[in-house]
Amino acid sequence: MPASVSCSGRLIVIGILALLVALISSDTWANEVSDLQYGRLGSSVTLACRGSRRGSPVEWRVNGSSVLPRQALRLDSVLTLPNAGHAMEGNYSCHDQGGALIHAVPLRLGHPPARVNITCRLPSHFRVHCSWITQVETSLPTHYVSSYISNYNGVVTVEDCVQEAPGSPSCVINNPLMWIHKHLINVTEVNPLGVQQTIVRVDLRQLMKPDPPEEVASVGVEGHPTRLLVRWSIPGSWEPEDTYPSAFPLAFQLRYRPVGSQYWSMLYTEENTSLMIMDALAGHTHHLQVQARELFNADSQWSDWSGLIQAQPWRERLLPTVEPTDTPELIGPDHNNNINNNNTDADVSTVKSPDLQLPDGTGLALVMVLSLFAGIIVVVGLIVILLLWMRHRRRGGLSKQQLTSMVKMKSLLI
C-alpha cells in the first residue's frame, strides 16, 4: 500500500510539471512582434517573403543592401541561410522588381535553453534562498519560472518561489513547510527557441546554515591580564529577537589566536551570546571570530565565520617617574604632629634621618657633604688639642728650670 501511494504521488507530481511546461510553452513570447524571427546558431534558417505572389521573382536585401551572405540560397520567394552564424543577423527585406517593399523580417540568432545549476541555502526557518546559473549563454531574451513542490502523505502542494526581480536568476521561498524535509525545486528557462526544465530535490534540514553572528566585540577584564570577554548578537536573519532563545536556539563556536600565530584555540557554548577567554597571551593583540549553528539539528551546517576583529587583554598602567627637585625639603613626616602636640614656638624642626624622603641621588650627596664637614671639624679639633698640649708642655719645662736656679743660688749664699 505505501508503495502504491508513493507511486501515485510521483505520477501526480509529474503530471503537474508537464502541465506547467505546456502552459509556459503556449504562452512563450505571445506578446512579441510577430514579424521578428529567431533562429538557432549553426542550423539552417529559412526566411519567407510573405505577401509576394507565388512564382513571382523577388529581391532580398539585408540591412538595406542587396549584398547577401555568400551561403545564402534563393528559391522563388524563399531565402535559406545554411549554418547560420552571428554575422548573418540583421534586418532582412524582400522587394518586387520595381524595388517596392513587400515584407521585412528582423533575424536574431542564438541557442535554445539548457539545464541550469541550482543552489539553495536556508539561513533561517522562515526563508529559503535559491539561485541558479545557466550552462549555456543563449544570446536571446530569456526569462525563468520558479516554483517548489511538496508531497506530504500523498498531498502535493505547488508554491511559487518568488523572484526578487523579473528575470533575475534567484528566488525566495517564504515560510517553507519545515516538517516536510524534502522538497522539489523547479526552475524552467524559457526563450524564443524553447523551454528547458530543471528539477532538484533538497533537504531543508541539511540546508540549514545560519548567517554569521553579528556585532562581535571583545574587552579586557580589569585586573586579569590573560582574560578577554567576547560578546556578539544572533544573526538578524535568524528570527525576531522577541522569540529568541526559546524557539530555535543556536550553538556558537569562538576561535582566537595571538596576532602572528598560525594556531587557533576554540571555545564552544550553547544559547549564550558571550564567552570568557581565560588563557589569552598577556600584553598581546588577538584575532577573534565567531560562528553559529542550529542547536537541535544535527544535520545543519556551521555558519561562515564572522568578520575578523582584534582585542587586547587588560594591562596594568605604569606610574609616571617623579623627577628630582633642585631644593629638597628636609622635613620629617612627624614635623606637624610634634608642633601640634607640644604647642611650642620653636623655630627649628627636628629632622629624623630615617624618615627622610629625598629624590634619588640627593640623599647620597647630602651624606657625603655632612661626612666631609664632620671630618673637617674633627681635624680642626685635633689641631687645637695638639697646640694646647704643646703650650702646656713648654710652660712646665720653664718652671722646672727656674726651680733649679733658685736651689743653686741658695747653696751659694750658705
Protein backbone atom coordinates (compact mmCIF):
# COMPACT_ATOMS: atom_id res chain seq x y z
CA MET A 1 0.00 0.00 0.00
CA PRO A 2 2.70 2.57 0.84
CA ALA A 3 4.43 1.78 -2.44
CA SER A 4 1.26 2.47 -4.42
CA VAL A 5 0.73 5.75 -2.58
CA SER A 6 4.30 6.78 -3.31
CA CYS A 7 3.90 5.84 -6.97
CA SER A 8 0.64 7.75 -7.31
CA GLY A 9 2.26 10.77 -5.65
CA ARG A 10 5.09 10.71 -8.17
CA LEU A 11 2.62 10.48 -11.04
CA ILE A 12 0.74 13.49 -9.70
CA VAL A 13 3.96 15.49 -9.45
CA ILE A 14 4.98 14.52 -13.00
CA GLY A 15 1.53 15.48 -14.29
CA ILE A 16 1.67 18.88 -12.61
CA LEU A 17 5.13 19.57 -14.01
CA ALA A 18 4.02 18.55 -17.52
CA LEU A 19 1.04 20.89 -17.25
CA LEU A 20 3.29 23.75 -16.17
CA VAL A 21 5.60 23.18 -19.13
CA ALA A 22 2.63 23.10 -21.54
CA LEU A 23 1.25 26.36 -20.16
CA ILE A 24 4.64 28.03 -20.36
CA SER A 25 5.21 26.82 -23.93
CA SER A 26 1.80 28.02 -25.11
CA ASP A 27 2.40 31.45 -23.63
CA THR A 28 6.00 31.83 -24.81
CA TRP A 29 6.62 35.18 -26.45
CA ALA A 30 2.90 35.64 -27.23
CA ASN A 31 3.35 39.37 -26.96
CA GLU A 32 6.44 39.54 -29.19
CA VAL A 33 6.34 41.19 -32.61
CA SER A 34 5.09 38.50 -34.99
CA ASP A 35 7.47 39.50 -37.79
CA LEU A 36 10.58 39.04 -35.60
CA GLN A 37 12.18 35.70 -36.44
CA TYR A 38 14.59 33.75 -34.25
CA GLY A 39 16.97 31.08 -35.44
CA ARG A 40 19.36 28.60 -33.92
CA LEU A 41 23.05 29.19 -34.36
CA GLY A 42 24.71 26.60 -36.58
CA SER A 43 21.45 25.45 -38.13
CA SER A 44 19.74 26.25 -41.43
CA VAL A 45 17.37 29.23 -41.22
CA THR A 46 14.63 29.85 -43.79
CA LEU A 47 13.05 33.26 -44.41
CA ALA A 48 9.80 33.57 -46.37
CA CYS A 49 8.64 36.65 -48.25
CA ARG A 50 5.09 36.96 -47.04
CA GLY A 51 2.71 38.83 -49.29
CA SER A 52 4.54 38.04 -52.51
CA ARG A 53 2.76 36.41 -55.42
CA ARG A 54 3.52 32.77 -55.87
CA GLY A 55 6.15 32.26 -58.51
CA SER A 56 6.93 35.96 -58.79
CA PRO A 57 10.64 36.83 -58.54
CA VAL A 58 11.66 38.92 -55.54
CA GLU A 59 14.83 40.70 -54.46
CA TRP A 60 16.21 40.07 -50.96
CA ARG A 61 18.14 42.70 -49.07
CA VAL A 62 19.86 42.71 -45.65
CA ASN A 63 20.15 45.98 -43.73
CA GLY A 64 19.16 47.78 -46.95
CA SER A 65 21.93 46.22 -49.04
CA SER A 66 21.39 43.77 -51.85
CA VAL A 67 24.68 42.04 -50.97
CA LEU A 68 23.64 38.85 -49.17
CA PRO A 69 25.80 36.35 -47.24
CA ARG A 70 27.75 34.04 -49.55
CA GLN A 71 25.99 30.93 -48.28
CA ALA A 72 22.52 32.37 -48.89
CA LEU A 73 20.29 30.35 -51.21
CA ARG A 74 17.33 31.90 -53.03
CA LEU A 75 14.44 29.88 -54.35
CA ASP A 76 11.46 31.85 -55.59
CA SER A 77 10.37 33.97 -52.61
CA VAL A 78 12.27 31.90 -50.01
CA LEU A 79 15.75 32.72 -48.66
CA THR A 80 17.75 29.97 -46.91
CA LEU A 81 20.79 30.63 -44.68
CA PRO A 82 22.71 27.37 -44.07
CA ASN A 83 24.91 27.02 -40.99
CA ALA A 84 23.71 30.37 -39.67
CA GLY A 85 26.14 32.45 -37.64
CA HIS A 86 26.01 35.76 -35.79
CA ALA A 87 27.33 37.54 -38.89
CA MET A 88 24.07 36.68 -40.66
CA GLU A 89 21.89 38.52 -38.15
CA GLY A 90 20.17 41.67 -39.37
CA ASN A 91 17.04 43.16 -40.89
CA TYR A 92 16.03 41.22 -43.98
CA SER A 93 13.51 42.52 -46.53
CA CYS A 94 12.08 41.35 -49.84
CA HIS A 95 11.14 43.65 -52.75
CA ASP A 96 9.37 43.30 -56.10
CA GLN A 97 11.01 44.02 -59.45
CA GLY A 98 10.22 47.68 -59.08
CA GLY A 99 12.02 47.86 -55.70
CA ALA A 100 8.83 48.22 -53.66
CA LEU A 101 8.93 46.67 -50.20
CA ILE A 102 6.87 43.51 -49.86
CA HIS A 103 7.90 42.17 -46.45
CA ALA A 104 10.53 42.85 -43.73
CA VAL A 105 11.73 40.40 -41.09
CA PRO A 106 14.46 41.02 -38.44
CA LEU A 107 16.55 37.90 -37.73
CA ARG A 108 18.08 37.11 -34.32
CA LEU A 109 20.23 34.01 -33.76
CA GLY A 110 21.03 32.14 -30.53
CA HIS A 111 20.76 28.88 -28.61
CA PRO A 112 17.75 27.11 -27.08
CA PRO A 113 17.53 26.93 -23.26
CA ALA A 114 19.62 24.41 -21.33
CA ARG A 115 19.55 22.98 -17.84
CA VAL A 116 20.66 25.28 -15.02
CA ASN A 117 22.70 24.61 -11.88
CA ILE A 118 20.52 25.31 -8.82
CA THR A 119 21.84 26.02 -5.32
CA CYS A 120 19.75 26.82 -2.26
CA ARG A 121 20.57 28.00 1.24
CA LEU A 122 18.45 28.19 4.36
CA PRO A 123 19.59 30.98 6.73
CA SER A 124 16.52 30.58 8.98
CA HIS A 125 13.31 28.61 9.44
CA PHE A 126 11.36 31.32 7.68
CA ARG A 127 13.09 31.76 4.32
CA VAL A 128 14.86 29.73 1.62
CA HIS A 129 17.10 31.47 -0.92
CA CYS A 130 17.69 29.72 -4.26
CA SER A 131 19.79 30.84 -7.20
CA TRP A 132 20.87 29.27 -10.45
CA ILE A 133 23.48 29.60 -13.18
CA THR A 134 22.72 28.78 -16.79
CA GLN A 135 25.04 26.32 -18.51
CA VAL A 136 24.65 27.92 -21.95
CA GLU A 137 24.61 31.59 -22.91
CA THR A 138 21.68 31.68 -25.31
CA SER A 139 22.21 35.25 -26.63
CA LEU A 140 18.42 35.56 -26.71
CA PRO A 141 15.89 37.19 -24.39
CA THR A 142 15.25 34.73 -21.55
CA HIS A 143 13.01 34.53 -18.53
CA TYR A 144 12.57 31.97 -15.75
CA VAL A 145 9.63 30.35 -14.00
CA SER A 146 10.48 29.10 -10.48
CA SER A 147 8.43 27.08 -8.00
CA TYR A 148 8.76 24.44 -5.31
CA ILE A 149 6.73 21.28 -4.80
CA SER A 150 5.98 19.45 -1.54
CA ASN A 151 4.48 15.98 -1.20
CA TYR A 152 3.15 15.17 2.27
CA ASN A 153 1.25 11.89 2.65
CA GLY A 154 0.22 11.99 -0.99
CA VAL A 155 -0.92 15.61 -0.86
CA VAL A 156 1.04 17.59 -3.44
CA THR A 157 1.50 21.31 -2.91
CA VAL A 158 2.93 23.67 -5.52
CA GLU A 159 4.05 27.11 -4.38
CA ASP A 160 5.81 29.96 -6.12
CA CYS A 161 9.45 30.64 -5.49
CA VAL A 162 9.24 34.41 -5.73
CA GLN A 163 11.89 36.03 -7.90
CA GLU A 164 13.50 39.08 -6.36
CA ALA A 165 13.37 40.88 -9.73
CA PRO A 166 11.79 39.92 -13.06
CA GLY A 167 14.19 37.73 -15.00
CA SER A 168 16.72 37.53 -12.15
CA PRO A 169 18.37 34.12 -11.61
CA SER A 170 17.24 33.85 -7.98
CA CYS A 171 14.09 33.38 -5.93
CA VAL A 172 12.88 33.22 -2.32
CA ILE A 173 10.57 30.72 -0.59
CA ASN A 174 8.82 32.36 2.35
CA ASN A 175 7.70 30.26 5.35
CA PRO A 176 8.56 26.84 3.90
CA LEU A 177 6.95 23.70 5.34
CA MET A 178 9.81 22.71 7.64
CA TRP A 179 8.18 19.50 8.87
CA ILE A 180 8.41 18.24 5.28
CA HIS A 181 12.14 17.82 5.00
CA LYS A 182 12.41 17.10 1.28
CA HIS A 183 11.15 19.46 -1.42
CA LEU A 184 11.44 19.73 -5.19
CA ILE A 185 12.77 22.99 -6.61
CA ASN A 186 11.72 23.62 -10.20
CA VAL A 187 13.34 26.24 -12.45
CA THR A 188 12.18 26.48 -16.06
CA GLU A 189 14.20 28.53 -18.53
CA VAL A 190 12.22 29.95 -21.44
CA ASN A 191 13.39 31.71 -24.60
CA PRO A 192 12.03 32.01 -28.18
CA LEU A 193 13.66 28.72 -29.19
CA GLY A 194 12.12 26.55 -26.49
CA VAL A 195 11.68 25.60 -22.85
CA GLN A 196 14.02 23.67 -20.54
CA GLN A 197 13.05 22.48 -17.07
CA THR A 198 15.46 21.70 -14.20
CA ILE A 199 14.27 19.96 -11.02
CA VAL A 200 16.39 19.28 -7.92
CA ARG A 201 15.49 17.66 -4.61
CA VAL A 202 16.57 19.50 -1.46
CA ASP A 203 16.58 18.50 2.21
CA LEU A 204 15.81 21.55 4.34
CA ARG A 205 17.41 20.07 7.45
CA GLN A 206 20.73 19.69 5.65
CA LEU A 207 20.39 23.10 4.02
CA MET A 208 20.05 24.85 7.37
CA LYS A 209 23.02 27.23 7.65
CA PRO A 210 22.64 30.42 9.73
CA ASP A 211 24.28 33.66 8.75
CA PRO A 212 27.39 34.60 10.79
CA PRO A 213 26.87 36.21 14.24
CA GLU A 214 26.77 39.99 14.26
CA GLU A 215 28.17 42.83 16.41
CA VAL A 216 31.11 40.77 17.68
CA ALA A 217 33.12 42.74 20.26
CA SER A 218 35.70 41.99 22.96
CA VAL A 219 37.03 43.84 26.01
CA GLY A 220 39.72 43.12 28.57
CA VAL A 221 38.85 42.27 32.19
CA GLU A 222 40.33 44.70 34.73
CA GLY A 223 42.87 43.06 36.99
CA HIS A 224 43.18 39.96 34.76
CA PRO A 225 45.90 40.26 32.09
CA THR A 226 45.07 36.86 30.50
CA ARG A 227 41.30 37.24 30.10
CA LEU A 228 39.10 38.56 27.28
CA LEU A 229 35.32 38.88 27.40
CA VAL A 230 33.75 38.32 23.95
CA ARG A 231 30.12 39.26 23.14
CA TRP A 232 28.02 39.01 19.97
CA SER A 233 24.43 39.10 18.67
CA ILE A 234 22.44 36.43 16.86
CA PRO A 235 22.17 36.89 13.07
CA GLY A 236 19.47 39.36 12.14
CA SER A 237 18.10 36.90 9.57
CA TRP A 238 17.66 34.08 12.09
CA GLU A 239 14.41 35.10 13.78
CA PRO A 240 12.77 38.03 15.59
CA GLU A 241 14.59 38.97 18.78
CA ASP A 242 11.45 38.59 20.91
CA THR A 243 11.32 34.86 20.11
CA TYR A 244 14.93 34.09 20.98
CA PRO A 245 16.14 31.92 22.68
CA SER A 246 13.02 29.81 23.26
CA ALA A 247 12.05 28.96 19.66
CA PHE A 248 15.16 27.91 17.73
CA PRO A 249 18.29 28.18 19.91
CA LEU A 250 21.75 28.39 18.40
CA ALA A 251 25.11 26.95 19.38
CA PHE A 252 28.20 29.11 18.96
CA GLN A 253 31.88 28.48 18.45
CA LEU A 254 34.63 31.02 19.15
CA ARG A 255 38.15 30.82 17.81
CA TYR A 256 41.05 33.09 18.82
CA ARG A 257 44.81 33.37 18.47
CA PRO A 258 47.56 35.95 19.11
CA VAL A 259 48.42 38.09 16.10
CA GLY A 260 51.18 36.34 14.17
CA SER A 261 50.29 32.82 15.36
CA GLN A 262 49.06 30.13 12.94
CA TYR A 263 47.17 28.08 15.53
CA TRP A 264 43.61 28.76 16.70
CA SER A 265 42.16 27.96 20.11
CA MET A 266 38.46 27.04 20.22
CA LEU A 267 35.62 27.58 22.72
CA TYR A 268 32.02 26.29 22.46
CA THR A 269 28.78 27.44 24.07
CA GLU A 270 25.07 26.77 23.69
CA GLU A 271 22.47 29.57 23.59
CA ASN A 272 24.77 32.08 25.31
CA THR A 273 25.94 35.12 23.37
CA SER A 274 29.18 35.67 25.29
CA LEU A 275 32.30 33.74 26.28
CA MET A 276 35.25 34.39 28.59
CA ILE A 277 38.73 33.60 27.27
CA MET A 278 40.86 32.59 30.26
CA ASP A 279 44.23 31.89 28.61
CA ALA A 280 44.91 34.92 26.43
CA LEU A 281 48.55 35.86 25.97
CA ALA A 282 49.21 38.81 28.27
CA GLY A 283 50.13 42.05 26.55
CA HIS A 284 49.42 40.74 23.02
CA THR A 285 46.73 41.62 20.48
CA HIS A 286 44.46 38.71 19.49
CA HIS A 287 42.31 37.87 16.44
CA LEU A 288 38.77 36.60 17.18
CA GLN A 289 35.90 35.12 15.11
CA VAL A 290 32.53 33.52 15.95
CA GLN A 291 30.25 31.12 14.03
CA ALA A 292 26.76 29.73 14.70
CA ARG A 293 24.76 26.54 14.14
CA GLU A 294 21.24 25.39 14.95
CA LEU A 295 21.45 23.63 18.31
CA PHE A 296 18.88 20.82 17.92
CA ASN A 297 19.52 19.99 14.25
CA ALA A 298 22.44 17.60 13.94
CA ASP A 299 22.28 17.79 10.13
CA SER A 300 22.61 21.57 10.00
CA GLN A 301 25.77 23.36 8.91
CA TRP A 302 28.02 25.79 10.75
CA SER A 303 27.73 29.34 9.50
CA ASP A 304 30.63 31.15 7.92
CA TRP A 305 32.96 32.86 10.38
CA SER A 306 32.16 36.40 11.39
CA GLY A 307 34.45 39.22 10.35
CA LEU A 308 37.87 39.23 11.99
CA ILE A 309 38.23 41.56 15.00
CA GLN A 310 41.19 42.45 17.22
CA ALA A 311 41.31 42.72 21.01
CA GLN A 312 43.97 43.04 23.71
CA PRO A 313 43.75 41.88 27.36
CA TRP A 314 43.85 44.33 30.25
CA ARG A 315 47.31 45.55 31.19
CA GLU A 316 48.44 47.43 34.32
CA ARG A 317 49.21 51.11 33.88
CA LEU A 318 52.75 52.20 34.82
CA LEU A 319 53.00 55.18 37.24
CA PRO A 320 54.98 58.16 35.86
CA THR A 321 58.57 58.65 37.21
CA VAL A 322 58.99 61.57 39.71
CA GLU A 323 61.69 63.99 38.54
CA PRO A 324 64.16 65.22 41.30
CA THR A 325 63.73 68.82 42.50
CA ASP A 326 66.56 71.39 42.94
CA THR A 327 65.90 72.10 46.63
CA PRO A 328 64.75 69.07 48.65
CA GLU A 329 62.69 69.73 51.71
CA LEU A 330 64.26 68.08 54.75
CA ILE A 331 61.09 67.97 56.79
CA GLY A 332 60.23 64.74 58.59
CA PRO A 333 56.70 63.32 58.40
CA ASP A 334 56.28 63.87 62.17
CA HIS A 335 57.01 67.58 61.97
CA ASN A 336 53.41 68.78 62.05
CA ASN A 337 52.43 66.28 64.75
CA ASN A 338 55.26 67.45 67.04
CA ILE A 339 54.19 71.09 66.68
CA ASN A 340 50.55 70.33 67.49
CA ASN A 341 51.32 68.08 70.48
CA ASN A 342 53.97 70.26 72.19
CA ASN A 343 52.42 73.70 71.44
CA THR A 344 55.91 75.24 71.30
CA ASP A 345 57.18 78.24 69.37
CA ALA A 346 60.39 76.56 68.33
CA ASP A 347 61.84 77.92 65.12
CA VAL A 348 63.81 74.78 64.30
CA SER A 349 62.13 71.47 63.45
CA THR A 350 63.62 68.14 64.38
CA VAL A 351 64.84 66.18 61.38
CA LYS A 352 64.82 62.41 61.62
CA SER A 353 67.16 60.94 59.07
CA PRO A 354 65.44 57.51 58.79
CA ASP A 355 62.19 59.19 57.66
CA LEU A 356 63.69 61.50 55.06
CA GLN A 357 62.03 61.20 51.65
CA LEU A 358 64.57 62.52 49.19
CA PRO A 359 64.78 62.14 45.46
CA ASP A 360 67.16 59.53 44.14
CA GLY A 361 70.88 60.71 44.34
CA THR A 362 70.20 63.74 46.56
CA GLY A 363 70.44 61.75 49.81
CA LEU A 364 73.83 60.29 48.88
CA ALA A 365 75.24 63.71 48.03
CA LEU A 366 73.93 65.14 51.29
CA VAL A 367 75.52 62.33 53.33
CA MET A 368 78.84 62.91 51.61
CA VAL A 369 78.73 66.66 52.37
CA LEU A 370 77.86 66.03 56.02
CA SER A 371 80.63 63.44 56.34
CA LEU A 372 83.18 65.84 54.87
CA PHE A 373 82.04 68.62 57.20
CA ALA A 374 82.32 66.31 60.21
CA GLY A 375 85.81 65.23 59.14
CA ILE A 376 86.94 68.86 58.88
CA ILE A 377 85.60 69.56 62.38
CA VAL A 378 87.46 66.54 63.80
CA VAL A 379 90.74 67.58 62.16
CA VAL A 380 90.40 71.16 63.45
CA GLY A 381 89.66 69.85 66.95
CA LEU A 382 92.73 67.60 66.92
CA ILE A 383 94.93 70.51 65.81
CA VAL A 384 93.60 72.72 68.64
CA ILE A 385 94.21 69.98 71.22
CA LEU A 386 97.75 69.44 69.93
CA LEU A 387 98.55 73.15 70.16
CA LEU A 388 97.22 73.36 73.71
CA TRP A 389 99.24 70.31 74.74
CA MET A 390 102.45 71.76 73.29
CA ARG A 391 101.85 75.08 75.06
CA HIS A 392 101.26 73.35 78.36
CA ARG A 393 104.42 71.29 77.99
CA ARG A 394 106.50 74.40 77.28
CA ARG A 395 105.23 76.08 80.42
CA GLY A 396 106.04 73.02 82.57
CA GLY A 397 109.68 72.95 81.35
CA LEU A 398 110.20 76.64 82.17
CA SER A 399 109.05 76.27 85.82
CA LYS A 400 111.38 73.34 86.44
CA GLN A 401 114.38 75.32 85.18
CA GLN A 402 113.56 78.29 87.43
CA LEU A 403 113.35 75.96 90.47
CA THR A 404 116.82 74.53 89.79
CA SER A 405 118.33 78.01 89.52
CA MET A 406 116.85 79.08 92.87
CA VAL A 407 118.29 76.00 94.62
CA LYS A 408 121.73 76.75 93.27
CA MET A 409 121.58 80.38 94.45
CA LYS A 410 120.61 79.34 97.97
CA SER A 411 123.56 76.94 98.19
CA LEU A 412 125.97 79.68 97.19
CA LEU A 413 124.71 82.00 99.89
CA ILE A 414 125.23 79.39 102.53
